[in-house]
Amino acid sequence: MLLAIIGGALGLALSVWGVRLGMKLALNILPDGLPRAEQIGIDAHVLLFCLAVSLAVGLLFGLAPALKTGNPDLSETLNNAGRGSSASRSITQNALVVSELAMALILLAGAGLMIRSLARLWAVNPGFNTKNTAAFYLALAPSVSKSSPHEIRANIEQARDRIASVPGVESVALLEGSLPMQGDSEDPFWIQGKPKALSDNDKPWALWYEVDPNYLNAMGIPLLRGRFFAREDSLHSRPVAVIDESFATQYFPNEDPLGKVIVDDYKGPTEVVGVVGHAKHWGLDDKNALHAQMYFPFAQIRDKAMPMIAKGVAVIVRSHKAPGTVFGSIRSAIAEMNSEHVIFKFATMEETISATLTDRRLFMILLVSFAILALLLASMGIYGVLSYLVSRQTHEIGIRLALGAQANDVLRLILGEGMGMAAIGIAIGLAGALALTRLLSGFLYGVTPSDPVTFAAVALLLTAVAAGACYVPARRATRVDPIVALHYE
């Protein structure tokens, strides 16, 4: 009970530090902060729980040997004096170490799978160039947003040109609709010349973006066929559209999409003039079933929509250096134009992508933290058991050395016992990991729940840690003085 209470007190002290560290990590990882963060801490409930667990552990692991000591087998005790621990005690100790190793391997396997999955995700091409690219929203002054559509258009274009003139800015583009990996803008449509569904639910749907001619340059999206929008695509010219390769593959699999007419109930008939690369709108894993994307000219937005756009139009900026270094100059340029214009929600595209991986990163950090803790406990367990075994077998080791055994023989004996436990624990852990890691399948990308590389790596890591924990007491056993050991009781 005394050991359990001391352990609980030390664990509580470590948890205070761990909570503070965990809070800092979570606040840095979660883009919108941690909900109810002010309520997270060590309170009376935690203290009582810690005390209850400590008492329960002391009773559980102290009761069995206490009961056995109360009714000893004197014959067995005298026969085992000076020759090591009893078989039942050894079996119990070994079982605990094997369990620790098995649980450590299961947690290591889960952490390894999450690490490999995140590495695969970071290597995925999002369909656009994230380097030195940022996006923010521009809201025009209230007096401007209440003016005519023509005035609103002129102010938006003037703001774009002011931003483009800032030193360090390479390209600027305007966007209405959702930014890739942010939000959701989708519409039903139908293809002219093909049967039209009666309801929107039965029509095909696609993500839509209204962008200006600089959008491809600013985002780094490739043009695959045809052309993109030009200055000539104005409110008074024929309506045109550009589709992405997913749209073309899905709805024009065996025909040329250029020249086809798609009809959007909100924008009317538009002729397809180009095909661009697919941008992963839903994140790097892009598991959403809706992939088709269609682009329309920003200049062809109808007048009645301009007052709403004046309250927040997206601006994409590509710069020659880190976007944060030019953002201050951009803000100053807009303030000089009109001090009531507001810029908000500035974020680099790399930060945007990172935000889509928040859940996976937080889950990975938790798994890695628990895996490291389990690995530490397992190594301490196997070290403790072998150290106790060496102390109980000092007499036997002395006899072996006196009869001519070499230090390497004793080293192999102790290492063999320790690595035997490790092998059993690793085998059980591998079987458990194969069954339990399937629960992670929804968080994995490009890695199977039974990935052989991960399982082999964690098994080798645990083997190396176990070998290190075994070596110290085994090495100590080889230094036993036979004369002293023969008198050891």
Protein backbone atom coordinates (compact mmCIF):
# COMPACT_ATOMS: atom_id res chain seq x y z
CA MET A 1 0.00 0.00 0.00
CA LEU A 2 2.88 2.35 0.80
CA LEU A 3 4.46 1.80 -2.62
CA ALA A 4 1.09 2.28 -4.31
CA ILE A 5 0.40 5.57 -2.51
CA ILE A 6 3.89 6.89 -3.34
CA GLY A 7 3.43 5.87 -6.98
CA GLY A 8 0.03 7.57 -7.12
CA ALA A 9 1.48 10.78 -5.68
CA LEU A 10 4.30 10.79 -8.22
CA GLY A 11 1.83 10.05 -11.02
CA LEU A 12 -0.37 12.93 -9.90
CA ALA A 13 2.60 15.29 -9.91
CA LEU A 14 3.55 14.17 -13.41
CA SER A 15 -0.05 14.55 -14.58
CA VAL A 16 -0.08 18.23 -13.57
CA TRP A 17 2.90 18.79 -15.87
CA GLY A 18 1.41 16.52 -18.53
CA VAL A 19 -1.90 18.40 -18.61
CA ARG A 20 -0.10 21.71 -19.10
CA LEU A 21 2.01 20.27 -21.90
CA GLY A 22 -1.00 18.61 -23.49
CA MET A 23 -2.96 21.86 -23.39
CA LYS A 24 -0.17 23.72 -25.16
CA LEU A 25 0.06 21.03 -27.84
CA ALA A 26 -3.69 20.91 -28.38
CA LEU A 27 -4.01 24.70 -28.60
CA ASN A 28 -1.21 24.78 -31.19
CA ILE A 29 -2.72 21.94 -33.22
CA LEU A 30 -6.44 22.78 -33.12
CA PRO A 31 -7.17 25.72 -35.45
CA ASP A 32 -10.26 26.86 -33.50
CA GLY A 33 -8.79 26.31 -30.06
CA LEU A 34 -9.80 23.72 -27.49
CA PRO A 35 -13.46 23.79 -26.38
CA ARG A 36 -13.93 24.53 -22.65
CA ALA A 37 -10.15 24.69 -22.18
CA GLU A 38 -10.55 26.72 -18.97
CA GLN A 39 -12.32 23.73 -17.34
CA ILE A 40 -9.47 21.29 -17.96
CA GLY A 41 -7.25 20.75 -14.93
CA ILE A 42 -6.62 18.78 -11.78
CA ASP A 43 -9.62 19.09 -9.43
CA ALA A 44 -11.09 17.20 -6.45
CA HIS A 45 -12.57 14.52 -8.71
CA VAL A 46 -9.15 13.78 -10.20
CA LEU A 47 -7.55 13.66 -6.74
CA LEU A 48 -10.17 11.21 -5.45
CA PHE A 49 -9.83 9.07 -8.58
CA CYS A 50 -6.05 8.99 -8.19
CA LEU A 51 -6.37 7.96 -4.52
CA ALA A 52 -8.91 5.25 -5.36
CA VAL A 53 -6.73 3.81 -8.12
CA SER A 54 -3.66 3.83 -5.86
CA LEU A 55 -5.52 2.02 -3.08
CA ALA A 56 -7.02 -0.48 -5.53
CA VAL A 57 -3.60 -1.23 -7.03
CA GLY A 58 -2.06 -1.66 -3.58
CA LEU A 59 -4.81 -4.05 -2.51
CA LEU A 60 -4.90 -6.00 -5.77
CA PHE A 61 -1.17 -6.59 -6.10
CA GLY A 62 -0.48 -6.85 -2.37
CA LEU A 63 -3.29 -9.20 -1.42
CA ALA A 64 -2.14 -12.30 -3.29
CA PRO A 65 1.40 -12.48 -1.83
CA ALA A 66 0.06 -11.43 1.59
CA LEU A 67 -2.43 -14.30 1.64
CA LYS A 68 0.23 -16.73 0.49
CA THR A 69 2.60 -15.57 3.24
CA GLY A 70 -0.12 -16.11 5.83
CA ASN A 71 -0.26 -19.85 5.12
CA PRO A 72 3.25 -20.84 4.02
CA ASP A 73 4.44 -24.29 2.91
CA LEU A 74 7.44 -24.67 5.22
CA SER A 75 8.86 -27.66 3.34
CA GLU A 76 8.84 -25.81 0.00
CA THR A 77 10.25 -22.68 1.65
CA LEU A 78 13.19 -24.56 3.19
CA ASN A 79 13.89 -26.41 -0.05
CA ASN A 80 13.90 -23.12 -2.03
CA ALA A 81 16.02 -21.19 0.48
CA GLY A 82 18.90 -19.52 -1.33
CA ARG A 83 17.94 -21.07 -4.66
CA GLY A 84 15.59 -18.51 -6.12
CA SER A 85 11.95 -17.62 -6.11
CA SER A 86 9.03 -20.02 -6.17
CA ALA A 87 7.55 -21.14 -9.46
CA SER A 88 4.18 -19.47 -8.81
CA ARG A 89 5.83 -16.13 -8.06
CA SER A 90 7.98 -16.37 -11.19
CA ILE A 91 4.96 -17.20 -13.33
CA THR A 92 3.03 -14.20 -11.98
CA GLN A 93 5.94 -11.83 -12.50
CA ASN A 94 6.61 -13.12 -15.99
CA ALA A 95 2.93 -12.86 -16.91
CA LEU A 96 2.84 -9.21 -15.86
CA VAL A 97 5.95 -8.41 -17.93
CA VAL A 98 4.56 -10.27 -20.94
CA SER A 99 1.30 -8.30 -20.62
CA GLU A 100 3.19 -4.99 -20.47
CA LEU A 101 5.18 -5.88 -23.58
CA ALA A 102 2.07 -6.99 -25.47
CA MET A 103 0.18 -3.78 -24.67
CA ALA A 104 3.21 -1.68 -25.52
CA LEU A 105 3.46 -3.33 -28.93
CA ILE A 106 -0.24 -2.75 -29.64
CA LEU A 107 0.10 0.96 -28.86
CA LEU A 108 3.35 1.20 -30.83
CA ALA A 109 1.69 -0.44 -33.82
CA GLY A 110 -1.18 2.06 -33.71
CA ALA A 111 1.20 4.99 -33.37
CA GLY A 112 3.37 3.67 -36.19
CA LEU A 113 0.39 3.31 -38.51
CA MET A 114 -0.73 6.87 -37.77
CA ILE A 115 2.77 8.24 -38.36
CA ARG A 116 3.08 6.40 -41.69
CA SER A 117 -0.43 7.49 -42.70
CA LEU A 118 0.33 11.16 -42.00
CA ALA A 119 3.62 10.88 -43.89
CA ARG A 120 1.75 9.47 -46.89
CA LEU A 121 -0.85 12.24 -46.68
CA TRP A 122 1.75 15.01 -46.56
CA ALA A 123 3.26 13.55 -49.74
CA VAL A 124 -0.07 13.77 -51.60
CA ASN A 125 -0.30 16.40 -54.33
CA PRO A 126 -3.31 18.61 -53.41
CA GLY A 127 -3.72 19.66 -57.04
CA PHE A 128 -2.40 23.19 -56.44
CA ASN A 129 0.88 24.75 -55.38
CA THR A 130 0.87 25.62 -51.66
CA LYS A 131 4.30 27.24 -51.56
CA ASN A 132 4.17 30.99 -50.80
CA THR A 133 0.41 31.03 -51.34
CA ALA A 134 -2.14 32.50 -48.95
CA ALA A 135 -5.80 33.47 -48.94
CA PHE A 136 -7.90 35.97 -47.04
CA TYR A 137 -11.24 37.73 -47.29
CA LEU A 138 -11.81 41.35 -48.18
CA ALA A 139 -14.94 43.17 -47.00
CA LEU A 140 -15.60 46.55 -48.61
CA ALA A 141 -16.56 49.59 -46.59
CA PRO A 142 -20.31 49.73 -45.73
CA SER A 143 -20.75 52.84 -47.86
CA VAL A 144 -19.33 51.02 -50.88
CA SER A 145 -21.36 47.82 -50.35
CA LYS A 146 -24.53 49.90 -50.47
CA SER A 147 -23.58 51.53 -53.77
CA SER A 148 -24.35 50.32 -57.30
CA PRO A 149 -23.08 46.96 -58.64
CA HIS A 150 -20.82 48.89 -61.00
CA GLU A 151 -19.21 50.75 -58.08
CA ILE A 152 -18.74 47.51 -56.15
CA ARG A 153 -17.05 45.84 -59.12
CA ALA A 154 -14.77 48.83 -59.62
CA ASN A 155 -13.73 48.83 -55.93
CA ILE A 156 -13.03 45.09 -55.92
CA GLU A 157 -10.92 45.36 -59.07
CA GLN A 158 -9.10 48.40 -57.69
CA ALA A 159 -8.32 46.49 -54.47
CA ARG A 160 -6.99 43.56 -56.52
CA ASP A 161 -4.73 45.87 -58.52
CA ARG A 162 -3.48 47.58 -55.33
CA ILE A 163 -2.56 44.20 -53.84
CA ALA A 164 -0.84 43.15 -57.08
CA SER A 165 1.34 46.28 -56.91
CA VAL A 166 2.69 45.43 -53.43
CA PRO A 167 6.42 44.54 -53.63
CA GLY A 168 6.93 40.78 -53.35
CA VAL A 169 3.48 39.85 -54.67
CA GLU A 170 3.65 37.62 -57.74
CA SER A 171 0.00 36.99 -58.57
CA VAL A 172 -3.44 37.91 -57.18
CA ALA A 173 -6.80 36.31 -57.91
CA LEU A 174 -10.40 36.82 -56.78
CA LEU A 175 -12.75 34.01 -55.86
CA GLU A 176 -16.41 33.75 -54.97
CA GLY A 177 -17.46 30.40 -53.52
CA SER A 178 -15.56 28.17 -51.17
CA LEU A 179 -11.79 28.06 -51.08
CA PRO A 180 -10.30 24.59 -51.62
CA MET A 181 -10.32 22.69 -48.30
CA GLN A 182 -12.52 25.40 -46.80
CA GLY A 183 -16.29 25.38 -46.94
CA ASP A 184 -18.72 23.87 -49.38
CA SER A 185 -20.17 25.50 -52.54
CA GLU A 186 -22.03 23.11 -54.81
CA ASP A 187 -24.86 23.32 -57.33
CA PRO A 188 -26.98 20.91 -59.35
CA PHE A 189 -26.61 21.06 -63.15
CA TRP A 190 -27.53 19.18 -66.28
CA ILE A 191 -25.87 18.76 -69.65
CA GLN A 192 -27.63 20.22 -72.65
CA GLY A 193 -28.65 17.51 -75.10
CA LYS A 194 -29.07 14.89 -72.39
CA PRO A 195 -32.26 14.05 -70.42
CA LYS A 196 -32.97 16.55 -67.67
CA ALA A 197 -33.97 15.31 -64.22
CA LEU A 198 -37.16 16.75 -62.78
CA SER A 199 -35.77 17.56 -59.31
CA ASP A 200 -32.44 18.87 -58.02
CA ASN A 201 -31.93 15.72 -55.96
CA ASP A 202 -31.87 13.64 -59.15
CA LYS A 203 -29.51 15.97 -61.01
CA PRO A 204 -25.74 15.63 -60.91
CA TRP A 205 -23.94 18.04 -58.58
CA ALA A 206 -20.58 19.77 -58.80
CA LEU A 207 -18.50 22.16 -56.75
CA TRP A 208 -18.45 25.64 -58.26
CA TYR A 209 -15.97 28.51 -58.13
CA GLU A 210 -16.31 31.99 -59.66
CA VAL A 211 -12.78 33.20 -60.33
CA ASP A 212 -10.88 35.80 -62.34
CA PRO A 213 -8.32 35.03 -65.09
CA ASN A 214 -5.36 35.02 -62.64
CA TYR A 215 -6.75 32.14 -60.58
CA LEU A 216 -4.72 29.36 -62.22
CA ASN A 217 -1.46 31.30 -61.81
CA ALA A 218 -2.19 32.22 -58.22
CA MET A 219 -3.15 28.67 -57.24
CA GLY A 220 -0.74 26.82 -59.48
CA ILE A 221 -3.46 24.66 -61.04
CA PRO A 222 -2.49 23.32 -64.49
CA LEU A 223 -4.53 23.98 -67.64
CA LEU A 224 -5.00 20.62 -69.41
CA ARG A 225 -7.10 21.48 -72.47
CA GLY A 226 -8.62 24.49 -74.15
CA ARG A 227 -8.30 27.89 -72.48
CA PHE A 228 -8.99 29.58 -69.18
CA PHE A 229 -10.87 32.82 -68.67
CA ALA A 230 -9.70 36.08 -70.24
CA ARG A 231 -10.50 39.76 -69.78
CA GLU A 232 -12.92 39.44 -72.67
CA ASP A 233 -15.15 37.09 -70.63
CA SER A 234 -17.25 39.89 -69.20
CA LEU A 235 -20.80 40.36 -68.04
CA HIS A 236 -21.84 41.22 -71.62
CA SER A 237 -20.07 38.33 -73.41
CA ARG A 238 -21.34 34.77 -73.90
CA PRO A 239 -21.35 32.74 -70.67
CA VAL A 240 -18.48 30.27 -70.46
CA ALA A 241 -17.26 27.67 -67.99
CA VAL A 242 -14.17 25.59 -67.29
CA ILE A 243 -14.38 22.11 -65.77
CA ASP A 244 -11.81 20.01 -63.99
CA GLU A 245 -10.53 16.62 -65.10
CA SER A 246 -12.79 14.76 -62.64
CA PHE A 247 -15.84 16.45 -64.17
CA ALA A 248 -14.62 15.59 -67.68
CA THR A 249 -13.90 11.95 -66.80
CA GLN A 250 -17.21 11.44 -65.03
CA TYR A 251 -19.61 13.18 -67.42
CA PHE A 252 -17.73 13.17 -70.75
CA PRO A 253 -15.84 9.85 -70.58
CA ASN A 254 -15.72 9.15 -74.32
CA GLU A 255 -16.14 12.56 -75.86
CA ASP A 256 -14.51 15.96 -76.06
CA PRO A 257 -16.00 18.25 -73.40
CA LEU A 258 -14.90 21.44 -75.18
CA GLY A 259 -17.88 23.12 -76.75
CA LYS A 260 -20.41 21.23 -74.64
CA VAL A 261 -23.03 23.24 -72.74
CA ILE A 262 -23.72 22.70 -69.06
CA VAL A 263 -26.79 24.31 -67.53
CA ASP A 264 -26.67 25.59 -63.97
CA ASP A 265 -30.09 26.62 -62.69
CA TYR A 266 -28.56 29.73 -61.11
CA LYS A 267 -26.25 30.76 -63.96
CA GLY A 268 -28.04 29.38 -67.01
CA PRO A 269 -26.37 27.68 -70.00
CA THR A 270 -22.57 28.00 -70.19
CA GLU A 271 -20.19 26.67 -72.82
CA VAL A 272 -17.21 24.60 -71.66
CA VAL A 273 -14.03 26.23 -73.00
CA GLY A 274 -11.34 24.48 -70.99
CA VAL A 275 -10.32 21.62 -68.68
CA VAL A 276 -8.04 22.12 -65.66
CA GLY A 277 -6.46 19.83 -63.09
CA HIS A 278 -8.43 18.57 -60.11
CA ALA A 279 -7.91 20.37 -56.78
CA LYS A 280 -8.54 18.23 -53.69
CA HIS A 281 -11.30 20.35 -52.18
CA TRP A 282 -12.14 18.00 -49.30
CA GLY A 283 -8.62 17.52 -47.98
CA LEU A 284 -5.63 15.45 -48.98
CA ASP A 285 -7.47 12.14 -48.52
CA ASP A 286 -10.42 13.53 -50.56
CA LYS A 287 -12.90 10.81 -49.48
CA ASN A 288 -16.04 12.78 -50.32
CA ALA A 289 -18.02 11.32 -53.20
CA LEU A 290 -18.48 14.76 -54.80
CA HIS A 291 -15.37 15.45 -56.91
CA ALA A 292 -16.56 17.23 -60.08
CA GLN A 293 -15.66 20.93 -60.20
CA MET A 294 -16.78 23.74 -62.48
CA TYR A 295 -15.41 27.28 -62.77
CA PHE A 296 -17.19 30.42 -63.94
CA PRO A 297 -15.77 33.91 -64.68
CA PHE A 298 -15.85 36.29 -61.74
CA ALA A 299 -16.66 39.08 -64.16
CA GLN A 300 -19.90 37.31 -65.21
CA ILE A 301 -21.40 37.36 -61.71
CA ARG A 302 -24.82 38.95 -61.92
CA ASP A 303 -25.42 42.44 -60.57
CA LYS A 304 -27.91 41.32 -57.91
CA ALA A 305 -25.19 39.24 -56.19
CA MET A 306 -22.65 42.07 -55.89
CA PRO A 307 -23.94 43.60 -52.58
CA MET A 308 -23.45 40.22 -50.90
CA ILE A 309 -20.00 39.73 -52.43
CA ALA A 310 -18.96 43.17 -51.17
CA LYS A 311 -19.27 41.80 -47.60
CA GLY A 312 -16.53 39.24 -48.18
CA VAL A 313 -14.72 38.24 -51.36
CA ALA A 314 -11.86 35.74 -51.21
CA VAL A 315 -8.43 36.90 -52.39
CA ILE A 316 -5.63 34.46 -53.26
CA VAL A 317 -2.08 35.84 -53.21
CA ARG A 318 1.08 34.17 -54.46
CA SER A 319 4.27 35.92 -53.38
CA HIS A 320 7.99 35.60 -54.05
CA LYS A 321 8.63 34.91 -50.35
CA ALA A 322 6.68 33.81 -47.28
CA PRO A 323 3.16 35.35 -47.47
CA GLY A 324 3.36 36.57 -43.88
CA THR A 325 6.17 38.94 -44.81
CA VAL A 326 4.02 40.81 -47.33
CA PHE A 327 0.69 40.68 -45.51
CA GLY A 328 1.41 43.86 -43.57
CA SER A 329 2.10 45.72 -46.81
CA ILE A 330 -1.12 44.33 -48.31
CA ARG A 331 -3.12 45.54 -45.34
CA SER A 332 -1.51 48.98 -45.59
CA ALA A 333 -2.26 49.19 -49.33
CA ILE A 334 -5.94 48.40 -48.72
CA ALA A 335 -6.12 50.91 -45.83
CA GLU A 336 -4.68 53.63 -48.06
CA MET A 337 -7.39 52.86 -50.60
CA ASN A 338 -10.18 53.02 -47.98
CA SER A 339 -9.62 52.82 -44.24
CA GLU A 340 -13.01 51.12 -43.76
CA HIS A 341 -12.14 48.14 -45.97
CA VAL A 342 -11.51 45.09 -43.78
CA ILE A 343 -9.19 42.10 -44.34
CA PHE A 344 -9.91 38.98 -42.28
CA LYS A 345 -9.24 35.21 -42.07
CA PHE A 346 -5.71 35.37 -43.44
CA ALA A 347 -4.13 31.89 -43.73
CA THR A 348 -1.43 30.34 -45.87
CA MET A 349 -2.44 27.35 -47.96
CA GLU A 350 0.03 25.23 -45.99
CA GLU A 351 -1.81 26.18 -42.79
CA THR A 352 -5.10 25.37 -44.46
CA ILE A 353 -3.91 21.90 -45.41
CA SER A 354 -2.47 21.39 -41.94
CA ALA A 355 -5.86 22.27 -40.41
CA THR A 356 -7.53 19.46 -42.39
CA LEU A 357 -5.18 16.98 -40.67
CA THR A 358 -5.89 18.23 -37.14
CA ASP A 359 -7.86 15.18 -36.00
CA ARG A 360 -5.26 12.77 -37.31
CA ARG A 361 -2.36 14.72 -35.81
CA LEU A 362 -4.01 14.96 -32.38
CA PHE A 363 -4.89 11.27 -32.44
CA MET A 364 -1.33 10.42 -33.50
CA ILE A 365 0.16 12.51 -30.67
CA LEU A 366 -2.05 10.75 -28.13
CA LEU A 367 -1.13 7.32 -29.46
CA VAL A 368 2.58 8.14 -29.57
CA SER A 369 2.45 9.52 -26.02
CA PHE A 370 0.75 6.43 -24.64
CA ALA A 371 3.03 4.16 -26.68
CA ILE A 372 6.15 5.83 -25.26
CA LEU A 373 4.75 5.51 -21.74
CA ALA A 374 3.88 1.85 -22.31
CA LEU A 375 7.34 1.20 -23.76
CA LEU A 376 8.94 2.82 -20.71
CA LEU A 377 6.81 0.76 -18.32
CA ALA A 378 7.54 -2.45 -20.23
CA SER A 379 11.30 -1.85 -20.17
CA MET A 380 11.15 -1.03 -16.44
CA GLY A 381 9.11 -4.17 -15.84
CA ILE A 382 11.47 -6.53 -17.61
CA TYR A 383 14.48 -4.84 -15.99
CA GLY A 384 12.91 -5.13 -12.55
CA VAL A 385 12.00 -8.79 -12.93
CA LEU A 386 15.46 -9.75 -14.20
CA SER A 387 17.18 -7.72 -11.49
CA TYR A 388 15.08 -9.52 -8.88
CA LEU A 389 15.80 -12.83 -10.60
CA VAL A 390 19.56 -12.20 -10.50
CA SER A 391 19.43 -11.28 -6.81
CA ARG A 392 17.47 -14.45 -6.02
CA GLN A 393 19.81 -16.61 -8.10
CA THR A 394 23.08 -15.20 -6.79
CA HIS A 395 23.82 -18.46 -4.95
CA GLU A 396 23.10 -20.54 -8.06
CA ILE A 397 25.20 -18.24 -10.25
CA GLY A 398 28.09 -18.54 -7.79
CA ILE A 399 27.92 -22.34 -7.95
CA ARG A 400 27.92 -22.25 -11.77
CA LEU A 401 30.95 -19.96 -11.82
CA ALA A 402 32.77 -22.07 -9.21
CA LEU A 403 32.19 -25.20 -11.32
CA GLY A 404 33.77 -23.55 -14.37
CA ALA A 405 30.99 -21.63 -16.10
CA GLN A 406 32.19 -18.63 -18.09
CA ALA A 407 30.82 -15.11 -17.88
CA ASN A 408 29.32 -15.46 -21.37
CA ASP A 409 27.45 -18.57 -20.22
CA VAL A 410 25.85 -16.63 -17.35
CA LEU A 411 25.12 -13.71 -19.72
CA ARG A 412 23.34 -16.02 -22.17
CA LEU A 413 21.38 -17.62 -19.32
CA ILE A 414 19.96 -14.34 -18.01
CA LEU A 415 19.46 -12.83 -21.46
CA GLY A 416 17.72 -16.00 -22.56
CA GLU A 417 15.18 -15.78 -19.75
CA GLY A 418 14.54 -12.10 -20.39
CA MET A 419 14.32 -12.33 -24.17
CA GLY A 420 12.10 -15.38 -23.81
CA MET A 421 9.55 -13.23 -21.98
CA ALA A 422 10.02 -10.51 -24.59
CA ALA A 423 9.41 -12.96 -27.45
CA ILE A 424 6.16 -14.19 -25.90
CA GLY A 425 4.99 -10.63 -25.21
CA ILE A 426 5.82 -9.50 -28.75
CA ALA A 427 4.02 -12.51 -30.26
CA ILE A 428 0.88 -11.85 -28.20
CA GLY A 429 1.13 -8.13 -28.98
CA LEU A 430 1.36 -8.76 -32.72
CA ALA A 431 -1.76 -10.92 -32.60
CA GLY A 432 -3.61 -8.27 -30.58
CA ALA A 433 -2.43 -5.47 -32.85
CA LEU A 434 -3.62 -7.31 -35.96
CA ALA A 435 -7.09 -7.46 -34.42
CA LEU A 436 -7.27 -3.99 -32.84
CA THR A 437 -5.58 -1.81 -35.47
CA ARG A 438 -8.56 -2.42 -37.76
CA LEU A 439 -10.37 0.11 -35.59
CA LEU A 440 -7.99 2.74 -37.01
CA SER A 441 -8.91 2.06 -40.65
CA GLY A 442 -10.99 5.25 -40.85
CA PHE A 443 -7.95 7.35 -39.86
CA LEU A 444 -5.45 5.67 -42.19
CA TYR A 445 -4.42 6.73 -45.68
CA GLY A 446 -2.24 4.68 -48.02
CA VAL A 447 -1.50 2.18 -45.23
CA THR A 448 -3.39 -1.01 -44.36
CA PRO A 449 -4.22 -1.79 -40.71
CA SER A 450 -1.91 -4.82 -41.01
CA ASP A 451 0.96 -2.98 -42.70
CA PRO A 452 3.94 -5.38 -42.53
CA VAL A 453 6.56 -2.61 -42.51
CA THR A 454 5.01 -0.96 -39.44
CA PHE A 455 4.57 -4.23 -37.58
CA ALA A 456 8.14 -5.30 -38.33
CA ALA A 457 9.51 -1.91 -37.25
CA VAL A 458 7.67 -1.83 -33.90
CA ALA A 459 8.57 -5.45 -33.19
CA LEU A 460 12.25 -4.67 -33.81
CA LEU A 461 12.03 -1.53 -31.66
CA LEU A 462 10.45 -3.41 -28.78
CA THR A 463 13.00 -6.19 -29.14
CA ALA A 464 15.85 -3.68 -28.97
CA VAL A 465 14.38 -1.98 -25.89
CA ALA A 466 13.81 -5.33 -24.20
CA ALA A 467 17.37 -6.41 -25.02
CA GLY A 468 18.71 -3.21 -23.48
CA ALA A 469 16.60 -3.73 -20.35
CA CYS A 470 17.82 -7.34 -20.10
CA TYR A 471 21.48 -6.57 -20.66
CA VAL A 472 22.08 -4.47 -17.52
CA PRO A 473 21.04 -7.13 -14.95
CA ALA A 474 22.59 -9.87 -17.10
CA ARG A 475 25.88 -8.01 -17.18
CA ARG A 476 25.70 -7.55 -13.41
CA ALA A 477 25.24 -11.31 -12.98
CA THR A 478 28.53 -12.00 -14.79
CA ARG A 479 30.39 -9.94 -12.18
CA VAL A 480 29.29 -12.06 -9.25
CA ASP A 481 32.21 -13.17 -7.04
CA PRO A 482 31.84 -16.99 -6.59
CA ILE A 483 33.27 -16.88 -3.05
CA VAL A 484 30.81 -14.20 -1.95
CA ALA A 485 27.96 -15.85 -3.82
CA LEU A 486 28.48 -19.23 -2.11
CA HIS A 487 27.94 -17.52 1.25
CA TYR A 488 24.92 -15.53 -0.08
CA GLU A 489 21.52 -16.34 1.36
